[in-house]
């Protein structure tokens, strides 16, 4: 079997809106005690962006956030489904105080570095 080392660079751009009334200092502190280090809404947005990049925008449930309202480039909500993929997520099941608008996704470059012998 051949081994080939490949480097993939991907750039996605999101507009993440975090409501500071919902995601206040107390909520962020509680969230950080369970999930990842976070001190402010910028950290929350950064963790969400990383999760979206890794999991994809159609993944559904995101650890630490649950279901997040994600709008495509035309401004339409991307429909999400529960674990069985047959029942849609209802409006009250989305994460409160967070929404994502996709600016651009899946712009990537692939470079073959070299075969590994």
N, C-alpha and C. Protein backbone atom coordinates (compact mmCIF):
# COMPACT_ATOMS: atom_id res chain seq x y z
N UNK A 1 0.84 -1.17 0.00
CA UNK A 1 0.00 0.00 0.00
C UNK A 1 0.89 1.24 0.00
N UNK A 2 0.57 2.21 -0.85
CA UNK A 2 1.33 3.45 -0.91
C UNK A 2 0.87 4.42 0.16
N UNK A 3 1.82 5.12 0.71
CA UNK A 3 1.51 6.19 1.66
C UNK A 3 1.84 7.51 1.00
N UNK A 4 0.91 8.43 1.02
CA UNK A 4 1.12 9.73 0.39
C UNK A 4 0.74 10.81 1.39
N UNK A 5 1.68 11.68 1.68
CA UNK A 5 1.42 12.78 2.61
C UNK A 5 0.76 13.93 1.85
N UNK A 6 -0.37 14.37 2.34
CA UNK A 6 -1.12 15.44 1.68
C UNK A 6 -1.47 16.51 2.70
N UNK A 7 -1.34 17.75 2.30
CA UNK A 7 -1.73 18.87 3.15
C UNK A 7 -2.97 19.50 2.55
N UNK A 8 -4.01 19.68 3.38
CA UNK A 8 -5.25 20.30 2.95
C UNK A 8 -5.46 21.56 3.76
N UNK A 9 -5.64 22.66 3.08
CA UNK A 9 -5.94 23.93 3.73
C UNK A 9 -7.36 24.31 3.35
N UNK A 10 -8.16 24.60 4.34
CA UNK A 10 -9.56 24.91 4.09
C UNK A 10 -9.92 26.23 4.77
N UNK A 11 -10.69 27.03 4.09
CA UNK A 11 -11.13 28.30 4.64
C UNK A 11 -12.64 28.39 4.55
N UNK A 12 -13.27 28.46 5.71
CA UNK A 12 -14.71 28.72 5.80
C UNK A 12 -14.85 30.08 6.48
N UNK A 13 -15.91 30.78 6.16
CA UNK A 13 -16.16 32.05 6.82
C UNK A 13 -17.59 32.07 7.33
N UNK A 14 -17.72 32.35 8.63
CA UNK A 14 -19.02 32.39 9.28
C UNK A 14 -19.22 33.75 9.93
N UNK A 15 -20.46 34.17 10.01
CA UNK A 15 -20.84 35.30 10.84
C UNK A 15 -21.60 34.69 12.01
N UNK A 16 -20.96 34.69 13.18
CA UNK A 16 -21.55 34.06 14.36
C UNK A 16 -22.07 35.17 15.26
N UNK A 17 -23.35 35.08 15.58
CA UNK A 17 -23.97 36.07 16.45
C UNK A 17 -24.24 35.44 17.81
N UNK A 18 -23.69 36.06 18.85
CA UNK A 18 -23.85 35.58 20.21
C UNK A 18 -24.51 36.71 21.01
N UNK A 19 -25.64 36.43 21.59
CA UNK A 19 -26.38 37.42 22.37
C UNK A 19 -25.77 37.51 23.76
N UNK A 20 -25.16 38.67 24.11
CA UNK A 20 -24.52 38.80 25.42
C UNK A 20 -25.52 38.83 26.58
N UNK A 21 -26.79 39.05 26.28
CA UNK A 21 -27.82 38.98 27.32
C UNK A 21 -28.02 37.53 27.76
N UNK A 22 -27.92 36.61 26.79
CA UNK A 22 -28.07 35.18 27.08
C UNK A 22 -26.73 34.60 27.52
N UNK A 23 -25.69 34.88 26.75
CA UNK A 23 -24.36 34.37 27.04
C UNK A 23 -23.60 35.40 27.89
N UNK A 24 -24.08 35.59 29.10
CA UNK A 24 -23.45 36.53 30.02
C UNK A 24 -22.27 35.85 30.74
N UNK A 25 -21.60 36.61 31.58
CA UNK A 25 -20.41 36.09 32.27
C UNK A 25 -20.70 34.81 33.05
N UNK A 26 -21.84 34.76 33.72
CA UNK A 26 -22.20 33.59 34.52
C UNK A 26 -22.40 32.35 33.64
N UNK A 27 -23.14 32.52 32.53
CA UNK A 27 -23.39 31.38 31.64
C UNK A 27 -22.09 30.89 31.00
N UNK A 28 -21.24 31.82 30.60
CA UNK A 28 -19.96 31.44 30.00
C UNK A 28 -19.10 30.69 31.01
N UNK A 29 -19.09 31.15 32.23
CA UNK A 29 -18.32 30.47 33.29
C UNK A 29 -18.84 29.05 33.51
N UNK A 30 -20.16 28.89 33.57
CA UNK A 30 -20.77 27.56 33.73
C UNK A 30 -20.44 26.67 32.53
N UNK A 31 -20.55 27.22 31.32
CA UNK A 31 -20.26 26.47 30.09
C UNK A 31 -18.80 26.01 30.10
N UNK A 32 -17.90 26.92 30.47
CA UNK A 32 -16.47 26.60 30.48
C UNK A 32 -16.11 25.56 31.53
N UNK A 33 -16.89 25.46 32.59
CA UNK A 33 -16.60 24.46 33.62
C UNK A 33 -16.90 23.04 33.14
N UNK A 34 -17.70 22.93 32.09
CA UNK A 34 -18.08 21.61 31.57
C UNK A 34 -17.39 21.30 30.24
N UNK A 35 -17.23 22.30 29.39
CA UNK A 35 -16.76 22.06 28.02
C UNK A 35 -15.33 22.53 27.80
N UNK A 36 -15.13 23.73 27.33
CA UNK A 36 -13.80 24.23 26.98
C UNK A 36 -13.56 25.56 27.67
N UNK A 37 -12.30 25.94 27.78
CA UNK A 37 -11.97 27.24 28.36
C UNK A 37 -12.62 28.34 27.54
N UNK A 38 -13.29 29.26 28.21
CA UNK A 38 -13.89 30.41 27.55
C UNK A 38 -14.05 31.52 28.58
N UNK A 39 -13.72 32.72 28.15
CA UNK A 39 -13.84 33.87 29.04
C UNK A 39 -14.87 34.88 28.55
N UNK A 40 -15.23 34.79 27.26
CA UNK A 40 -16.13 35.79 26.71
C UNK A 40 -16.85 35.23 25.47
N UNK A 41 -17.69 36.06 24.87
CA UNK A 41 -18.47 35.60 23.71
C UNK A 41 -17.57 35.31 22.51
N UNK A 42 -16.44 35.97 22.42
CA UNK A 42 -15.50 35.68 21.32
C UNK A 42 -14.99 34.24 21.44
N UNK A 43 -14.65 33.82 22.65
CA UNK A 43 -14.21 32.44 22.86
C UNK A 43 -15.31 31.44 22.52
N UNK A 44 -16.54 31.77 22.89
CA UNK A 44 -17.68 30.89 22.56
C UNK A 44 -17.81 30.76 21.05
N UNK A 45 -17.75 31.89 20.35
CA UNK A 45 -17.85 31.88 18.88
C UNK A 45 -16.70 31.09 18.26
N UNK A 46 -15.52 31.22 18.81
CA UNK A 46 -14.34 30.51 18.29
C UNK A 46 -14.53 28.98 18.44
N UNK A 47 -15.02 28.54 19.60
CA UNK A 47 -15.24 27.10 19.80
C UNK A 47 -16.32 26.59 18.85
N UNK A 48 -17.37 27.36 18.67
CA UNK A 48 -18.42 26.95 17.75
C UNK A 48 -17.90 26.87 16.31
N UNK A 49 -17.12 27.85 15.89
CA UNK A 49 -16.55 27.85 14.54
C UNK A 49 -15.67 26.62 14.31
N UNK A 50 -14.85 26.27 15.30
CA UNK A 50 -14.01 25.08 15.17
C UNK A 50 -14.85 23.82 15.05
N UNK A 51 -15.92 23.73 15.82
CA UNK A 51 -16.80 22.57 15.75
C UNK A 51 -17.47 22.48 14.37
N UNK A 52 -17.90 23.61 13.85
CA UNK A 52 -18.53 23.61 12.52
C UNK A 52 -17.55 23.18 11.44
N UNK A 53 -16.32 23.63 11.54
CA UNK A 53 -15.31 23.26 10.56
C UNK A 53 -15.04 21.75 10.59
N UNK A 54 -14.93 21.21 11.78
CA UNK A 54 -14.61 19.79 11.92
C UNK A 54 -15.80 18.90 11.59
N UNK A 55 -16.97 19.24 12.11
CA UNK A 55 -18.15 18.39 11.97
C UNK A 55 -18.93 18.65 10.68
N UNK A 56 -18.87 19.87 10.19
CA UNK A 56 -19.66 20.26 9.03
C UNK A 56 -20.94 20.96 9.47
N UNK A 57 -21.45 21.80 8.61
CA UNK A 57 -22.61 22.61 8.97
C UNK A 57 -23.91 21.82 8.96
N UNK A 58 -23.91 20.62 8.41
CA UNK A 58 -25.10 19.78 8.38
C UNK A 58 -25.09 18.69 9.43
N UNK A 59 -24.15 18.77 10.35
CA UNK A 59 -23.97 17.71 11.34
C UNK A 59 -25.15 17.57 12.29
N UNK A 60 -25.73 18.68 12.70
CA UNK A 60 -26.82 18.61 13.68
C UNK A 60 -26.32 18.97 15.06
N UNK A 61 -26.49 18.08 16.01
CA UNK A 61 -26.14 18.33 17.41
C UNK A 61 -24.64 18.59 17.56
N UNK A 62 -24.30 19.70 18.22
CA UNK A 62 -22.90 20.06 18.45
C UNK A 62 -22.65 20.08 19.95
N UNK A 63 -21.70 19.30 20.37
CA UNK A 63 -21.36 19.20 21.79
C UNK A 63 -21.10 20.58 22.37
N UNK A 64 -21.77 20.88 23.47
CA UNK A 64 -21.61 22.17 24.13
C UNK A 64 -22.63 23.21 23.72
N UNK A 65 -23.29 22.96 22.60
CA UNK A 65 -24.25 23.93 22.08
C UNK A 65 -25.61 23.31 21.77
N UNK A 66 -25.64 22.04 21.49
CA UNK A 66 -26.87 21.41 21.05
C UNK A 66 -27.10 21.71 19.58
N UNK A 67 -28.34 21.99 19.22
CA UNK A 67 -28.66 22.36 17.84
C UNK A 67 -28.53 23.87 17.71
N UNK A 68 -27.81 24.32 16.69
CA UNK A 68 -27.57 25.75 16.48
C UNK A 68 -28.26 26.16 15.19
N UNK A 69 -28.92 27.31 15.23
CA UNK A 69 -29.53 27.83 14.00
C UNK A 69 -28.42 28.26 13.05
N UNK A 70 -28.41 27.62 11.87
CA UNK A 70 -27.40 27.92 10.86
C UNK A 70 -28.14 28.32 9.59
N UNK A 71 -27.80 29.48 9.08
CA UNK A 71 -28.43 30.01 7.88
C UNK A 71 -27.45 29.94 6.71
N UNK A 72 -27.94 29.48 5.54
CA UNK A 72 -27.06 29.38 4.38
C UNK A 72 -26.74 30.75 3.81
N UNK A 73 -25.97 30.77 2.71
CA UNK A 73 -25.53 32.04 2.13
C UNK A 73 -26.69 32.90 1.63
N UNK A 74 -27.83 32.29 1.35
CA UNK A 74 -29.00 33.04 0.88
C UNK A 74 -29.89 33.49 2.05
N UNK A 75 -29.51 33.11 3.27
CA UNK A 75 -30.25 33.54 4.45
C UNK A 75 -31.32 32.58 4.91
N UNK A 76 -31.41 31.39 4.30
CA UNK A 76 -32.41 30.40 4.70
C UNK A 76 -31.86 29.49 5.79
N UNK A 77 -32.70 29.19 6.76
CA UNK A 77 -32.31 28.28 7.83
C UNK A 77 -32.08 26.88 7.26
N UNK A 78 -30.94 26.30 7.61
CA UNK A 78 -30.65 24.93 7.20
C UNK A 78 -31.40 24.01 8.16
N UNK A 79 -32.29 23.22 7.62
CA UNK A 79 -33.12 22.33 8.44
C UNK A 79 -32.23 21.27 9.08
N UNK A 80 -32.43 21.06 10.37
CA UNK A 80 -31.67 20.05 11.10
C UNK A 80 -32.61 19.00 11.64
N UNK A 81 -32.07 17.81 11.82
CA UNK A 81 -32.88 16.67 12.27
C UNK A 81 -32.27 16.07 13.53
N UNK A 82 -33.14 15.48 14.32
CA UNK A 82 -32.70 14.81 15.55
C UNK A 82 -31.92 13.54 15.20
N UNK A 83 -31.44 12.85 16.22
CA UNK A 83 -30.57 11.69 16.06
C UNK A 83 -31.06 10.64 15.09
N UNK A 84 -32.36 10.48 14.95
CA UNK A 84 -32.87 9.45 14.03
C UNK A 84 -32.97 9.96 12.59
N UNK A 85 -32.67 11.23 12.37
CA UNK A 85 -32.65 11.86 11.05
C UNK A 85 -34.01 11.86 10.34
N UNK A 86 -35.08 11.63 11.09
CA UNK A 86 -36.41 11.69 10.47
C UNK A 86 -37.26 12.79 11.08
N UNK A 87 -36.97 13.16 12.32
CA UNK A 87 -37.76 14.17 13.00
C UNK A 87 -37.01 15.50 13.03
N UNK A 88 -37.59 16.55 12.43
CA UNK A 88 -36.90 17.84 12.42
C UNK A 88 -36.82 18.46 13.81
N UNK A 89 -35.79 19.25 14.01
CA UNK A 89 -35.61 19.98 15.26
C UNK A 89 -36.64 21.10 15.30
N UNK A 90 -37.33 21.23 16.42
CA UNK A 90 -38.32 22.30 16.56
C UNK A 90 -37.63 23.59 16.99
N UNK A 91 -38.30 24.70 16.79
CA UNK A 91 -37.71 26.02 17.06
C UNK A 91 -37.23 26.17 18.50
N UNK A 92 -37.94 25.59 19.45
CA UNK A 92 -37.55 25.74 20.86
C UNK A 92 -36.40 24.81 21.27
N UNK A 93 -35.94 23.96 20.38
CA UNK A 93 -34.83 23.05 20.68
C UNK A 93 -33.48 23.61 20.27
N UNK A 94 -33.47 24.74 19.58
CA UNK A 94 -32.20 25.34 19.17
C UNK A 94 -31.54 26.05 20.34
N UNK A 95 -30.23 26.13 20.29
CA UNK A 95 -29.44 26.82 21.31
C UNK A 95 -29.88 28.27 21.39
N UNK A 96 -30.18 28.71 22.59
CA UNK A 96 -30.64 30.08 22.78
C UNK A 96 -29.46 31.05 22.69
N UNK A 97 -29.68 32.14 21.96
CA UNK A 97 -28.71 33.22 21.94
C UNK A 97 -27.56 33.07 20.98
N UNK A 98 -27.64 32.08 20.08
CA UNK A 98 -26.56 31.89 19.10
C UNK A 98 -27.18 31.60 17.74
N UNK A 99 -26.64 32.24 16.70
CA UNK A 99 -27.02 31.94 15.32
C UNK A 99 -25.79 32.08 14.44
N UNK A 100 -25.75 31.29 13.38
CA UNK A 100 -24.61 31.30 12.46
C UNK A 100 -25.12 31.59 11.05
N UNK A 101 -24.47 32.51 10.38
CA UNK A 101 -24.74 32.77 8.97
C UNK A 101 -23.50 32.36 8.19
N UNK A 102 -23.67 31.50 7.20
CA UNK A 102 -22.55 31.05 6.39
C UNK A 102 -22.21 32.12 5.37
N UNK A 103 -20.99 32.59 5.39
CA UNK A 103 -20.53 33.57 4.40
C UNK A 103 -19.93 32.81 3.22
N UNK A 104 -19.04 31.89 3.52
CA UNK A 104 -18.48 31.01 2.48
C UNK A 104 -18.03 29.72 3.16
N UNK A 105 -18.17 28.62 2.46
CA UNK A 105 -17.73 27.33 3.00
C UNK A 105 -17.04 26.52 1.92
N UNK A 106 -16.15 25.66 2.38
CA UNK A 106 -15.50 24.66 1.55
C UNK A 106 -14.62 25.22 0.44
N UNK A 107 -13.98 26.35 0.67
CA UNK A 107 -12.91 26.78 -0.22
C UNK A 107 -11.64 26.10 0.29
N UNK A 108 -11.06 25.21 -0.51
CA UNK A 108 -9.91 24.49 -0.01
C UNK A 108 -8.88 24.26 -1.10
N UNK A 109 -7.66 24.02 -0.66
CA UNK A 109 -6.56 23.69 -1.54
C UNK A 109 -5.93 22.39 -1.05
N UNK A 110 -5.55 21.55 -1.97
CA UNK A 110 -4.90 20.29 -1.63
C UNK A 110 -3.53 20.24 -2.30
N UNK A 111 -2.53 19.92 -1.51
CA UNK A 111 -1.17 19.85 -2.05
C UNK A 111 -0.56 18.50 -1.65
N UNK A 112 -0.09 17.77 -2.63
CA UNK A 112 0.61 16.52 -2.36
C UNK A 112 2.04 16.89 -2.02
N UNK A 113 2.43 16.57 -0.78
CA UNK A 113 3.76 16.93 -0.33
C UNK A 113 4.80 15.96 -0.89
N UNK A 114 4.56 14.67 -0.66
CA UNK A 114 5.46 13.66 -1.24
C UNK A 114 4.98 12.27 -0.85
N UNK A 115 5.28 11.31 -1.69
CA UNK A 115 5.00 9.92 -1.29
C UNK A 115 5.94 9.53 -0.15
N UNK A 116 5.43 8.71 0.74
CA UNK A 116 6.25 8.21 1.86
C UNK A 116 6.66 6.78 1.50
N UNK A 117 7.95 6.57 1.50
CA UNK A 117 8.48 5.26 1.12
C UNK A 117 8.76 4.42 2.33
